Full PDB file with SEQRES, HELIX, SHEET, SSBOND, CRYST1, ORIGX, SCALE, CONECT and MASTER records, all heavy atoms in Angstrom:
SEQRES   1 A   36  GLY GLY SER ALA LYS THR ALA ARG ASN ARG ARG THR GLN          
SEQRES   2 A   36  ALA ILE LEU PRO ILE ARG GLY LYS ILE LEU ASN VAL GLU          
SEQRES   3 A   36  LYS ALA SER ILE ASP LYS VAL LEU ALA ASN                      
HELIX    1 AA1 GLY A    2  ALA A    7  1                                   6    
HELIX    2 AA2 ILE A   30  LEU A   34  1                                   5    
CRYST1    1.000    1.000    1.000  90.00  90.00  90.00 P 1           1          
ORIGX1      1.000000  0.000000  0.000000        0.00000                         
ORIGX2      0.000000  1.000000  0.000000        0.00000                         
ORIGX3      0.000000  0.000000  1.000000        0.00000                         
SCALE1      1.000000  0.000000  0.000000        0.00000                         
SCALE2      0.000000  1.000000  0.000000        0.00000                         
SCALE3      0.000000  0.000000  1.000000        0.00000                         
ATOM      1  N   GLY A   1       0.818  -1.194  -0.002  1.00  0.00           N  
ATOM      2  CA  GLY A   1      -0.002  -0.004   0.004  1.00  0.00           C  
ATOM      3  C   GLY A   1       0.852   1.244   0.015  1.00  0.00           C  
ATOM      4  O   GLY A   1       0.568   2.211  -0.712  1.00  0.00           O  
ATOM      5  N   GLY A   2       1.916   1.248   0.786  1.00  0.00           N  
ATOM      6  CA  GLY A   2       2.809   2.399   0.847  1.00  0.00           C  
ATOM      7  C   GLY A   2       3.511   2.631  -0.474  1.00  0.00           C  
ATOM      8  O   GLY A   2       3.598   3.768  -0.927  1.00  0.00           O  
ATOM      9  N   SER A   3       3.963   1.575  -1.101  1.00  0.00           N  
ATOM     10  CA  SER A   3       4.627   1.701  -2.398  1.00  0.00           C  
ATOM     11  C   SER A   3       3.663   2.215  -3.467  1.00  0.00           C  
ATOM     12  O   SER A   3       4.012   3.059  -4.289  1.00  0.00           O  
ATOM     13  CB  SER A   3       5.211   0.334  -2.802  1.00  0.00           C  
ATOM     14  OG  SER A   3       5.934   0.420  -4.012  1.00  0.00           O  
ATOM     15  N   ALA A   4       2.397   1.686  -3.403  1.00  0.00           N  
ATOM     16  CA  ALA A   4       1.406   2.103  -4.389  1.00  0.00           C  
ATOM     17  C   ALA A   4       1.031   3.570  -4.209  1.00  0.00           C  
ATOM     18  O   ALA A   4       0.822   4.286  -5.201  1.00  0.00           O  
ATOM     19  CB  ALA A   4       0.165   1.217  -4.263  1.00  0.00           C  
ATOM     20  N   LYS A   5       0.935   4.017  -2.968  1.00  0.00           N  
ATOM     21  CA  LYS A   5       0.602   5.409  -2.726  1.00  0.00           C  
ATOM     22  C   LYS A   5       1.653   6.332  -3.259  1.00  0.00           C  
ATOM     23  O   LYS A   5       1.358   7.438  -3.780  1.00  0.00           O  
ATOM     24  CB  LYS A   5       0.408   5.667  -1.207  1.00  0.00           C  
ATOM     25  CG  LYS A   5      -0.851   5.037  -0.651  1.00  0.00           C  
ATOM     26  CD  LYS A   5      -0.944   5.229   0.881  1.00  0.00           C  
ATOM     27  CE  LYS A   5      -2.180   4.534   1.441  1.00  0.00           C  
ATOM     28  NZ  LYS A   5      -2.245   4.669   2.913  1.00  0.00           N  
ATOM     29  N   THR A   6       2.921   5.911  -3.189  1.00  0.00           N  
ATOM     30  CA  THR A   6       4.028   6.751  -3.712  1.00  0.00           C  
ATOM     31  C   THR A   6       4.058   6.715  -5.224  1.00  0.00           C  
ATOM     32  O   THR A   6       4.332   7.729  -5.866  1.00  0.00           O  
ATOM     33  CB  THR A   6       5.379   6.232  -3.185  1.00  0.00           C  
ATOM     34  OG1 THR A   6       5.358   6.197  -1.752  1.00  0.00           O  
ATOM     35  CG2 THR A   6       6.515   7.076  -3.651  1.00  0.00           C  
ATOM     36  N   ALA A   7       3.749   5.546  -5.833  1.00  0.00           N  
ATOM     37  CA  ALA A   7       3.885   5.393  -7.266  1.00  0.00           C  
ATOM     38  C   ALA A   7       2.743   5.945  -8.068  1.00  0.00           C  
ATOM     39  O   ALA A   7       2.900   6.304  -9.223  1.00  0.00           O  
ATOM     40  CB  ALA A   7       4.032   3.887  -7.576  1.00  0.00           C  
ATOM     41  N   ARG A   8       1.590   6.072  -7.470  1.00  0.00           N  
ATOM     42  CA  ARG A   8       0.337   6.364  -8.218  1.00  0.00           C  
ATOM     43  C   ARG A   8       0.312   7.772  -8.824  1.00  0.00           C  
ATOM     44  O   ARG A   8       1.109   8.665  -8.471  1.00  0.00           O  
ATOM     45  CB  ARG A   8      -0.845   6.252  -7.271  1.00  0.00           C  
ATOM     46  CG  ARG A   8      -0.820   7.337  -6.198  1.00  0.00           C  
ATOM     47  CD  ARG A   8      -1.992   7.229  -5.249  1.00  0.00           C  
ATOM     48  NE  ARG A   8      -1.860   8.138  -4.123  1.00  0.00           N  
ATOM     49  CZ  ARG A   8      -2.843   8.877  -3.651  1.00  0.00           C  
ATOM     50  NH1 ARG A   8      -4.041   8.842  -4.206  1.00  0.00           N  
ATOM     51  NH2 ARG A   8      -2.663   9.697  -2.624  1.00  0.00           N  
ATOM     52  N   ASN A   9      -0.636   7.955  -9.736  1.00  0.00           N  
ATOM     53  CA  ASN A   9      -0.990   9.280 -10.216  1.00  0.00           C  
ATOM     54  C   ASN A   9      -2.044   9.834  -9.247  1.00  0.00           C  
ATOM     55  O   ASN A   9      -3.188   9.380  -9.256  1.00  0.00           O  
ATOM     56  CB  ASN A   9      -1.556   9.178 -11.619  1.00  0.00           C  
ATOM     57  CG  ASN A   9      -2.036  10.502 -12.167  1.00  0.00           C  
ATOM     58  OD1 ASN A   9      -2.218  11.473 -11.440  1.00  0.00           O  
ATOM     59  ND2 ASN A   9      -2.266  10.575 -13.480  1.00  0.00           N  
ATOM     60  N   ARG A  10      -1.662  10.778  -8.393  1.00  0.00           N  
ATOM     61  CA  ARG A  10      -2.548  11.208  -7.334  1.00  0.00           C  
ATOM     62  C   ARG A  10      -3.819  11.871  -7.839  1.00  0.00           C  
ATOM     63  O   ARG A  10      -4.825  11.896  -7.120  1.00  0.00           O  
ATOM     64  CB  ARG A  10      -1.812  12.213  -6.434  1.00  0.00           C  
ATOM     65  CG  ARG A  10      -0.700  11.577  -5.597  1.00  0.00           C  
ATOM     66  CD  ARG A  10       0.086  12.609  -4.810  1.00  0.00           C  
ATOM     67  NE  ARG A  10       1.058  11.970  -3.950  1.00  0.00           N  
ATOM     68  CZ  ARG A  10       0.856  11.566  -2.726  1.00  0.00           C  
ATOM     69  NH1 ARG A  10      -0.345  11.815  -2.172  1.00  0.00           N  
ATOM     70  NH2 ARG A  10       1.787  11.006  -2.012  1.00  0.00           N  
ATOM     71  N   ARG A  11      -3.805  12.325  -9.073  1.00  0.00           N  
ATOM     72  CA  ARG A  11      -4.982  13.027  -9.557  1.00  0.00           C  
ATOM     73  C   ARG A  11      -6.144  12.058  -9.847  1.00  0.00           C  
ATOM     74  O   ARG A  11      -7.310  12.354  -9.515  1.00  0.00           O  
ATOM     75  CB  ARG A  11      -4.660  13.787 -10.854  1.00  0.00           C  
ATOM     76  CG  ARG A  11      -5.719  14.833 -11.211  1.00  0.00           C  
ATOM     77  CD  ARG A  11      -5.372  15.579 -12.471  1.00  0.00           C  
ATOM     78  NE  ARG A  11      -5.613  14.766 -13.651  1.00  0.00           N  
ATOM     79  CZ  ARG A  11      -6.839  14.637 -14.201  1.00  0.00           C  
ATOM     80  NH1 ARG A  11      -7.873  15.238 -13.638  1.00  0.00           N  
ATOM     81  NH2 ARG A  11      -6.998  13.934 -15.277  1.00  0.00           N  
ATOM     82  N   THR A  12      -5.822  10.872 -10.374  1.00  0.00           N  
ATOM     83  CA  THR A  12      -6.895   9.973 -10.793  1.00  0.00           C  
ATOM     84  C   THR A  12      -6.876   8.610 -10.108  1.00  0.00           C  
ATOM     85  O   THR A  12      -7.826   7.811 -10.287  1.00  0.00           O  
ATOM     86  CB  THR A  12      -6.827   9.738 -12.306  1.00  0.00           C  
ATOM     87  OG1 THR A  12      -5.558   9.156 -12.638  1.00  0.00           O  
ATOM     88  CG2 THR A  12      -7.025  11.043 -13.090  1.00  0.00           C  
ATOM     89  N   GLN A  13      -5.826   8.301  -9.359  1.00  0.00           N  
ATOM     90  CA  GLN A  13      -5.708   6.947  -8.784  1.00  0.00           C  
ATOM     91  C   GLN A  13      -5.785   6.968  -7.265  1.00  0.00           C  
ATOM     92  O   GLN A  13      -4.950   7.654  -6.610  1.00  0.00           O  
ATOM     93  CB  GLN A  13      -4.412   6.303  -9.251  1.00  0.00           C  
ATOM     94  CG  GLN A  13      -4.380   6.015 -10.764  1.00  0.00           C  
ATOM     95  CD  GLN A  13      -3.083   5.395 -11.225  1.00  0.00           C  
ATOM     96  OE1 GLN A  13      -2.019   5.621 -10.663  1.00  0.00           O  
ATOM     97  NE2 GLN A  13      -3.169   4.587 -12.280  1.00  0.00           N  
ATOM     98  N   ALA A  14      -6.740   6.248  -6.714  1.00  0.00           N  
ATOM     99  CA  ALA A  14      -6.878   6.112  -5.256  1.00  0.00           C  
ATOM    100  C   ALA A  14      -6.335   4.757  -4.846  1.00  0.00           C  
ATOM    101  O   ALA A  14      -6.374   3.790  -5.622  1.00  0.00           O  
ATOM    102  CB  ALA A  14      -8.343   6.237  -4.848  1.00  0.00           C  
ATOM    103  N   ILE A  15      -5.846   4.659  -3.622  1.00  0.00           N  
ATOM    104  CA  ILE A  15      -5.296   3.426  -3.087  1.00  0.00           C  
ATOM    105  C   ILE A  15      -6.051   3.050  -1.816  1.00  0.00           C  
ATOM    106  O   ILE A  15      -6.181   3.865  -0.874  1.00  0.00           O  
ATOM    107  CB  ILE A  15      -3.781   3.539  -2.777  1.00  0.00           C  
ATOM    108  CG1 ILE A  15      -3.010   4.044  -3.984  1.00  0.00           C  
ATOM    109  CG2 ILE A  15      -3.247   2.205  -2.277  1.00  0.00           C  
ATOM    110  CD1 ILE A  15      -3.031   3.136  -5.161  1.00  0.00           C  
ATOM    111  N   LEU A  16      -6.573   1.830  -1.781  1.00  0.00           N  
ATOM    112  CA  LEU A  16      -7.295   1.336  -0.616  1.00  0.00           C  
ATOM    113  C   LEU A  16      -6.597   0.077  -0.088  1.00  0.00           C  
ATOM    114  O   LEU A  16      -6.818  -1.030  -0.604  1.00  0.00           O  
ATOM    115  CB  LEU A  16      -8.746   1.029  -0.971  1.00  0.00           C  
ATOM    116  CG  LEU A  16      -9.627   0.465   0.153  1.00  0.00           C  
ATOM    117  CD1 LEU A  16      -9.696   1.439   1.328  1.00  0.00           C  
ATOM    118  CD2 LEU A  16     -11.025   0.149  -0.336  1.00  0.00           C  
ATOM    119  N   PRO A  17      -5.730   0.219   0.944  1.00  0.00           N  
ATOM    120  CA  PRO A  17      -5.075  -0.976   1.486  1.00  0.00           C  
ATOM    121  C   PRO A  17      -6.041  -1.786   2.345  1.00  0.00           C  
ATOM    122  O   PRO A  17      -6.895  -1.240   3.037  1.00  0.00           O  
ATOM    123  CB  PRO A  17      -3.966  -0.369   2.381  1.00  0.00           C  
ATOM    124  CG  PRO A  17      -3.893   1.082   2.055  1.00  0.00           C  
ATOM    125  CD  PRO A  17      -5.284   1.437   1.575  1.00  0.00           C  
ATOM    126  N   ILE A  18      -5.953  -3.101   2.245  1.00  0.00           N  
ATOM    127  CA  ILE A  18      -6.698  -3.972   3.152  1.00  0.00           C  
ATOM    128  C   ILE A  18      -5.695  -4.888   3.847  1.00  0.00           C  
ATOM    129  O   ILE A  18      -4.581  -5.108   3.338  1.00  0.00           O  
ATOM    130  CB  ILE A  18      -7.732  -4.848   2.404  1.00  0.00           C  
ATOM    131  CG1 ILE A  18      -7.082  -5.705   1.351  1.00  0.00           C  
ATOM    132  CG2 ILE A  18      -8.794  -3.923   1.784  1.00  0.00           C  
ATOM    133  CD1 ILE A  18      -8.034  -6.693   0.693  1.00  0.00           C  
ATOM    134  N   ARG A  19      -6.080  -5.427   4.974  1.00  0.00           N  
ATOM    135  CA  ARG A  19      -5.205  -6.307   5.753  1.00  0.00           C  
ATOM    136  C   ARG A  19      -5.583  -7.750   5.592  1.00  0.00           C  
ATOM    137  O   ARG A  19      -6.663  -8.155   6.007  1.00  0.00           O  
ATOM    138  CB  ARG A  19      -5.214  -5.915   7.213  1.00  0.00           C  
ATOM    139  CG  ARG A  19      -4.595  -4.561   7.481  1.00  0.00           C  
ATOM    140  CD  ARG A  19      -4.555  -4.270   8.973  1.00  0.00           C  
ATOM    141  NE  ARG A  19      -3.968  -2.980   9.237  1.00  0.00           N  
ATOM    142  CZ  ARG A  19      -3.828  -2.489  10.475  1.00  0.00           C  
ATOM    143  NH1 ARG A  19      -4.296  -3.145  11.525  1.00  0.00           N  
ATOM    144  NH2 ARG A  19      -3.271  -1.310  10.655  1.00  0.00           N  
ATOM    145  N   GLY A  20      -4.721  -8.506   4.903  1.00  0.00           N  
ATOM    146  CA  GLY A  20      -4.922  -9.970   4.822  1.00  0.00           C  
ATOM    147  C   GLY A  20      -6.166 -10.320   4.002  1.00  0.00           C  
ATOM    148  O   GLY A  20      -6.630  -9.589   3.135  1.00  0.00           O  
ATOM    149  N   LYS A  21      -6.690 -11.486   4.290  1.00  0.00           N  
ATOM    150  CA  LYS A  21      -7.801 -12.033   3.549  1.00  0.00           C  
ATOM    151  C   LYS A  21      -9.120 -11.632   4.187  1.00  0.00           C  
ATOM    152  O   LYS A  21      -9.338 -11.865   5.370  1.00  0.00           O  
ATOM    153  CB  LYS A  21      -7.700 -13.565   3.499  1.00  0.00           C  
ATOM    154  CG  LYS A  21      -6.436 -13.999   2.760  1.00  0.00           C  
ATOM    155  CD  LYS A  21      -6.195 -15.528   2.879  1.00  0.00           C  
ATOM    156  CE  LYS A  21      -4.919 -15.883   2.192  1.00  0.00           C  
ATOM    157  NZ  LYS A  21      -4.558 -17.289   2.305  1.00  0.00           N  
ATOM    158  N   ILE A  22      -9.977 -11.015   3.376  1.00  0.00           N  
ATOM    159  CA  ILE A  22     -11.277 -10.572   3.892  1.00  0.00           C  
ATOM    160  C   ILE A  22     -12.150 -11.796   4.208  1.00  0.00           C  
ATOM    161  O   ILE A  22     -11.837 -12.909   3.828  1.00  0.00           O  
ATOM    162  CB  ILE A  22     -11.990  -9.599   2.960  1.00  0.00           C  
ATOM    163  CG1 ILE A  22     -12.503 -10.379   1.694  1.00  0.00           C  
ATOM    164  CG2 ILE A  22     -11.126  -8.450   2.571  1.00  0.00           C  
ATOM    165  CD1 ILE A  22     -13.574  -9.649   0.931  1.00  0.00           C  
ATOM    166  N   LEU A  23     -13.273 -11.505   4.849  1.00  0.00           N  
ATOM    167  CA  LEU A  23     -14.220 -12.568   5.217  1.00  0.00           C  
ATOM    168  C   LEU A  23     -14.709 -13.305   3.963  1.00  0.00           C  
ATOM    169  O   LEU A  23     -14.977 -12.697   2.921  1.00  0.00           O  
ATOM    170  CB  LEU A  23     -15.416 -11.904   5.941  1.00  0.00           C  
ATOM    171  CG  LEU A  23     -16.559 -12.833   6.359  1.00  0.00           C  
ATOM    172  CD1 LEU A  23     -16.112 -13.709   7.507  1.00  0.00           C  
ATOM    173  CD2 LEU A  23     -17.759 -11.966   6.792  1.00  0.00           C  
ATOM    174  N   ASN A  24     -14.808 -14.633   4.073  1.00  0.00           N  
ATOM    175  CA  ASN A  24     -15.438 -15.415   3.021  1.00  0.00           C  
ATOM    176  C   ASN A  24     -16.954 -15.242   3.158  1.00  0.00           C  
ATOM    177  O   ASN A  24     -17.568 -15.804   4.041  1.00  0.00           O  
ATOM    178  CB  ASN A  24     -15.070 -16.883   3.181  1.00  0.00           C  
ATOM    179  CG  ASN A  24     -15.690 -17.780   2.126  1.00  0.00           C  
ATOM    180  OD1 ASN A  24     -16.540 -17.343   1.325  1.00  0.00           O  
ATOM    181  ND2 ASN A  24     -15.298 -19.053   2.102  1.00  0.00           N  
ATOM    182  N   VAL A  25     -17.539 -14.443   2.256  1.00  0.00           N  
ATOM    183  CA  VAL A  25     -18.938 -14.048   2.431  1.00  0.00           C  
ATOM    184  C   VAL A  25     -19.893 -15.108   1.918  1.00  0.00           C  
ATOM    185  O   VAL A  25     -21.104 -15.003   2.087  1.00  0.00           O  
ATOM    186  CB  VAL A  25     -19.245 -12.726   1.703  1.00  0.00           C  
ATOM    187  CG1 VAL A  25     -18.339 -11.636   2.226  1.00  0.00           C  
ATOM    188  CG2 VAL A  25     -19.102 -12.878   0.182  1.00  0.00           C  
ATOM    189  N   GLU A  26     -19.404 -16.177   1.262  1.00  0.00           N  
ATOM    190  CA  GLU A  26     -20.270 -17.161   0.636  1.00  0.00           C  
ATOM    191  C   GLU A  26     -21.205 -17.818   1.649  1.00  0.00           C  
ATOM    192  O   GLU A  26     -22.337 -18.073   1.358  1.00  0.00           O  
ATOM    193  CB  GLU A  26     -19.412 -18.235  -0.090  1.00  0.00           C  
ATOM    194  CG  GLU A  26     -20.233 -19.360  -0.742  1.00  0.00           C  
ATOM    195  CD  GLU A  26     -21.074 -18.853  -1.886  1.00  0.00           C  
ATOM    196  OE1 GLU A  26     -20.879 -17.721  -2.361  1.00  0.00           O  
ATOM    197  OE2 GLU A  26     -21.972 -19.607  -2.333  1.00  0.00           O  
ATOM    198  N   LYS A  27     -20.679 -18.070   2.858  1.00  0.00           N  
ATOM    199  CA  LYS A  27     -21.505 -18.723   3.880  1.00  0.00           C  
ATOM    200  C   LYS A  27     -21.809 -17.842   5.071  1.00  0.00           C  
ATOM    201  O   LYS A  27     -22.416 -18.294   6.037  1.00  0.00           O  
ATOM    202  CB  LYS A  27     -20.779 -20.007   4.383  1.00  0.00           C  
ATOM    203  CG  LYS A  27     -20.484 -21.026   3.292  1.00  0.00           C  
ATOM    204  CD  LYS A  27     -21.746 -21.584   2.688  1.00  0.00           C  
ATOM    205  CE  LYS A  27     -21.470 -22.622   1.620  1.00  0.00           C  
ATOM    206  NZ  LYS A  27     -22.682 -23.123   0.991  1.00  0.00           N  
ATOM    207  N   ALA A  28     -21.389 -16.567   5.004  1.00  0.00           N  
ATOM    208  CA  ALA A  28     -21.551 -15.689   6.166  1.00  0.00           C  
ATOM    209  C   ALA A  28     -22.883 -14.977   6.126  1.00  0.00           C  
ATOM    210  O   ALA A  28     -23.417 -14.667   5.046  1.00  0.00           O  
ATOM    211  CB  ALA A  28     -20.413 -14.676   6.238  1.00  0.00           C  
ATOM    212  N   SER A  29     -23.435 -14.636   7.282  1.00  0.00           N  
ATOM    213  CA  SER A  29     -24.690 -13.861   7.358  1.00  0.00           C  
ATOM    214  C   SER A  29     -24.351 -12.379   7.192  1.00  0.00           C  
ATOM    215  O   SER A  29     -23.212 -11.970   7.338  1.00  0.00           O  
ATOM    216  CB  SER A  29     -25.378 -14.111   8.693  1.00  0.00           C  
ATOM    217  OG  SER A  29     -24.525 -13.748   9.759  1.00  0.00           O  
ATOM    218  N   ILE A  30     -25.398 -11.607   6.910  1.00  0.00           N  
ATOM    219  CA  ILE A  30     -25.190 -10.178   6.613  1.00  0.00           C  
ATOM    220  C   ILE A  30     -24.548  -9.449   7.796  1.00  0.00           C  
ATOM    221  O   ILE A  30     -23.676  -8.597   7.600  1.00  0.00           O  
ATOM    222  CB  ILE A  30     -26.543  -9.495   6.290  1.00  0.00           C  
ATOM    223  CG1 ILE A  30     -27.204 -10.181   5.101  1.00  0.00           C  
ATOM    224  CG2 ILE A  30     -26.340  -8.029   5.953  1.00  0.00           C  
ATOM    225  CD1 ILE A  30     -26.510 -10.022   3.801  1.00  0.00           C  
ATOM    226  N   ASP A  31     -24.969  -9.765   9.013  1.00  0.00           N  
ATOM    227  CA  ASP A  31     -24.419  -9.047  10.166  1.00  0.00           C  
ATOM    228  C   ASP A  31     -22.915  -9.309  10.312  1.00  0.00           C  
ATOM    229  O   ASP A  31     -22.154  -8.420  10.670  1.00  0.00           O  
ATOM    230  CB  ASP A  31     -25.164  -9.389  11.469  1.00  0.00           C  
ATOM    231  CG  ASP A  31     -25.225 -10.877  11.715  1.00  0.00           C  
ATOM    232  OD1 ASP A  31     -25.006 -11.666  10.790  1.00  0.00           O  
ATOM    233  OD2 ASP A  31     -25.506 -11.273  12.876  1.00  0.00           O  
ATOM    234  N   LYS A  32     -22.465 -10.549  10.005  1.00  0.00           N  
ATOM    235  CA  LYS A  32     -21.052 -10.832  10.071  1.00  0.00           C  
ATOM    236  C   LYS A  32     -20.287 -10.133   8.943  1.00  0.00           C  
ATOM    237  O   LYS A  32     -19.159  -9.691   9.127  1.00  0.00           O  
ATOM    238  CB  LYS A  32     -20.806 -12.357   9.983  1.00  0.00           C  
ATOM    239  CG  LYS A  32     -21.212 -13.085  11.244  1.00  0.00           C  
ATOM    240  CD  LYS A  32     -20.872 -14.573  11.182  1.00  0.00           C  
ATOM    241  CE  LYS A  32     -21.287 -15.277  12.470  1.00  0.00           C  
ATOM    242  NZ  LYS A  32     -21.004 -16.718  12.405  1.00  0.00           N  
ATOM    243  N   VAL A  33     -20.933 -10.057   7.770  1.00  0.00           N  
ATOM    244  CA  VAL A  33     -20.315  -9.361   6.647  1.00  0.00           C  
ATOM    245  C   VAL A  33     -20.091  -7.896   7.040  1.00  0.00           C  
ATOM    246  O   VAL A  33     -19.004  -7.313   6.845  1.00  0.00           O  
ATOM    247  CB  VAL A  33     -21.172  -9.473   5.390  1.00  0.00           C  
ATOM    248  CG1 VAL A  33     -20.661  -8.550   4.288  1.00  0.00           C  
ATOM    249  CG2 VAL A  33     -21.212 -10.900   4.907  1.00  0.00           C  
ATOM    250  N   LEU A  34     -21.119  -7.281   7.610  1.00  0.00           N  
ATOM    251  CA  LEU A  34     -21.034  -5.857   7.956  1.00  0.00           C  
ATOM    252  C   LEU A  34     -20.152  -5.579   9.171  1.00  0.00           C  
ATOM    253  O   LEU A  34     -19.739  -4.455   9.376  1.00  0.00           O  
ATOM    254  CB  LEU A  34     -22.446  -5.319   8.211  1.00  0.00           C  
ATOM    255  CG  LEU A  34     -23.283  -5.096   6.948  1.00  0.00           C  
ATOM    256  CD1 LEU A  34     -24.711  -4.839   7.315  1.00  0.00           C  
ATOM    257  CD2 LEU A  34     -22.707  -3.989   6.098  1.00  0.00           C  
ATOM    258  N   ALA A  35     -19.852  -6.609   9.934  1.00  0.00           N  
ATOM    259  CA  ALA A  35     -18.956  -6.422  11.083  1.00  0.00           C  
ATOM    260  C   ALA A  35     -17.504  -6.464  10.640  1.00  0.00           C  
ATOM    261  O   ALA A  35     -16.612  -6.137  11.446  1.00  0.00           O  
ATOM    262  CB  ALA A  35     -19.203  -7.540  12.109  1.00  0.00           C  
ATOM    263  N   ASN A  36     -17.230  -6.836   9.379  1.00  0.00           N  
ATOM    264  CA  ASN A  36     -15.850  -6.923   8.893  1.00  0.00           C  
ATOM    265  C   ASN A  36     -15.390  -5.519   8.490  1.00  0.00           C  
ATOM    266  O   ASN A  36     -15.960  -4.862   7.631  1.00  0.00           O  
ATOM    267  CB  ASN A  36     -15.813  -7.884   7.703  1.00  0.00           C  
ATOM    268  CG  ASN A  36     -14.407  -8.077   7.161  1.00  0.00           C  
ATOM    269  OD1 ASN A  36     -13.916  -7.291   6.379  1.00  0.00           O  
ATOM    270  ND2 ASN A  36     -13.763  -9.134   7.630  1.00  0.00           N  
TER     271      ASN A  36                                                      
MASTER        0    0    0    2    0    0    0    6  270    1    0    3          
END                                                                             
């Protein structure tokens, strides 16, 4: 994320870092999804 923020074109490119693997939503209920 830090490297991407430095390398990007700040005018048109946004960077959204996430940590690790997000919740597997296939079997999760909505409240668990929204708690992530």
